[in-house]
Amino acid sequence: MNIGKIIETLRSEKNISQKKLAEQIGIKQSTISKWERKNAVPNADNIVMLAKYFNVTADYLLGLEKD
């Protein structure tokens, strides 16, 4: 699974919109949309922010571990 799909799945599990996630981590909603559509990938700083927000490891976000 790619990082965009993982982000989308985590968002769905938390029942939050792209807009809400963007507000929570301080980025634009359009950026999250690009990640989820595989038009861009988050940089290392954003991966760390996402991992902390979703309480998962960076490896999990990168698809390197199951959970």
C-alpha atoms as a PDB file:
ATOM      1  CA  MET A   1       0.000   0.000   0.000  1.00  0.00           C
ATOM      2  CA  ASN A   2       1.293   3.489  -0.784  1.00  0.00           C
ATOM      3  CA  ILE A   3       1.562   6.347   1.702  1.00  0.00           C
ATOM      4  CA  GLY A   4      -1.374   8.237   0.189  1.00  0.00           C
ATOM      5  CA  LYS A   5      -3.700   5.283   0.664  1.00  0.00           C
ATOM      6  CA  ILE A   6      -2.412   4.779   4.217  1.00  0.00           C
ATOM      7  CA  ILE A   7      -3.092   8.436   5.056  1.00  0.00           C
ATOM      8  CA  GLU A   8      -6.560   8.174   3.555  1.00  0.00           C
ATOM      9  CA  THR A   9      -7.269   5.001   5.563  1.00  0.00           C
ATOM     10  CA  LEU A  10      -6.057   6.549   8.815  1.00  0.00           C
ATOM     11  CA  ARG A  11      -8.167   9.634   8.170  1.00  0.00           C
ATOM     12  CA  SER A  12     -11.224   7.484   7.548  1.00  0.00           C
ATOM     13  CA  GLU A  13     -10.624   5.516  10.741  1.00  0.00           C
ATOM     14  CA  LYS A  14     -10.534   8.803  12.677  1.00  0.00           C
ATOM     15  CA  ASN A  15     -13.525  10.060  10.693  1.00  0.00           C
ATOM     16  CA  ILE A  16     -11.845  13.353   9.786  1.00  0.00           C
ATOM     17  CA  SER A  17     -11.802  15.291   6.542  1.00  0.00           C
ATOM     18  CA  GLN A  18      -8.753  16.346   4.599  1.00  0.00           C
ATOM     19  CA  LYS A  19      -9.500  19.907   5.695  1.00  0.00           C
ATOM     20  CA  LYS A  20      -9.587  18.961   9.389  1.00  0.00           C
ATOM     21  CA  LEU A  21      -6.336  17.000   9.119  1.00  0.00           C
ATOM     22  CA  ALA A  22      -4.692  19.915   7.316  1.00  0.00           C
ATOM     23  CA  GLU A  23      -5.774  22.315  10.065  1.00  0.00           C
ATOM     24  CA  GLN A  24      -4.530  19.958  12.775  1.00  0.00           C
ATOM     25  CA  ILE A  25      -1.035  19.561  11.327  1.00  0.00           C
ATOM     26  CA  GLY A  26      -0.656  23.035   9.797  1.00  0.00           C
ATOM     27  CA  ILE A  27      -0.615  22.394   6.066  1.00  0.00           C
ATOM     28  CA  LYS A  28      -2.946  23.057   3.133  1.00  0.00           C
ATOM     29  CA  GLN A  29      -5.846  20.732   2.383  1.00  0.00           C
ATOM     30  CA  SER A  30      -4.723  20.604  -1.227  1.00  0.00           C
ATOM     31  CA  THR A  31      -1.414  19.097  -0.099  1.00  0.00           C
ATOM     32  CA  ILE A  32      -3.188  16.211   1.612  1.00  0.00           C
ATOM     33  CA  SER A  33      -5.304  15.730  -1.497  1.00  0.00           C
ATOM     34  CA  LYS A  34      -2.137  15.508  -3.627  1.00  0.00           C
ATOM     35  CA  TRP A  35      -0.632  12.928  -1.257  1.00  0.00           C
ATOM     36  CA  GLU A  36      -3.754  10.795  -1.334  1.00  0.00           C
ATOM     37  CA  ARG A  37      -3.982  10.963  -5.144  1.00  0.00           C
ATOM     38  CA  LYS A  38      -0.269  10.053  -5.461  1.00  0.00           C
ATOM     39  CA  ASN A  39       0.527  13.389  -7.131  1.00  0.00           C
ATOM     40  CA  ALA A  40       3.043  14.206  -4.389  1.00  0.00           C
ATOM     41  CA  VAL A  41       4.666  12.575  -1.377  1.00  0.00           C
ATOM     42  CA  PRO A  42       5.134  14.059   2.079  1.00  0.00           C
ATOM     43  CA  ASN A  43       8.629  15.138   3.020  1.00  0.00           C
ATOM     44  CA  ALA A  44      10.364  13.742   6.119  1.00  0.00           C
ATOM     45  CA  ASP A  45       9.051  16.502   8.411  1.00  0.00           C
ATOM     46  CA  ASN A  46       5.483  15.890   7.268  1.00  0.00           C
ATOM     47  CA  ILE A  47       5.857  12.135   7.722  1.00  0.00           C
ATOM     48  CA  VAL A  48       6.935  12.748  11.318  1.00  0.00           C
ATOM     49  CA  MET A  49       3.965  15.093  11.899  1.00  0.00           C
ATOM     50  CA  LEU A  50       1.551  12.560  10.421  1.00  0.00           C
ATOM     51  CA  ALA A  51       3.030   9.710  12.451  1.00  0.00           C
ATOM     52  CA  LYS A  52       2.644  11.700  15.658  1.00  0.00           C
ATOM     53  CA  TYR A  53      -0.869  12.830  14.774  1.00  0.00           C
ATOM     54  CA  PHE A  54      -2.082   9.325  13.951  1.00  0.00           C
ATOM     55  CA  ASN A  55       0.022   7.689  16.686  1.00  0.00           C
ATOM     56  CA  VAL A  56       1.746   5.336  14.258  1.00  0.00           C
ATOM     57  CA  THR A  57       5.362   4.876  13.243  1.00  0.00           C
ATOM     58  CA  ALA A  58       6.939   6.455  10.195  1.00  0.00           C
ATOM     59  CA  ASP A  59       7.614   2.910   8.987  1.00  0.00           C
ATOM     60  CA  TYR A  60       3.896   2.191   9.141  1.00  0.00           C
ATOM     61  CA  LEU A  61       3.118   5.298   7.053  1.00  0.00           C
ATOM     62  CA  LEU A  62       5.734   4.236   4.539  1.00  0.00           C
ATOM     63  CA  GLY A  63       4.189   0.778   4.285  1.00  0.00           C
ATOM     64  CA  LEU A  64       7.188  -0.962   5.849  1.00  0.00           C
ATOM     65  CA  GLU A  65       5.304  -2.636   8.693  1.00  0.00           C
ATOM     66  CA  LYS A  66       1.837  -4.038   9.147  1.00  0.00           C
ATOM     67  CA  ASP A  67       0.984  -2.113  12.373  1.00  0.00           C
END
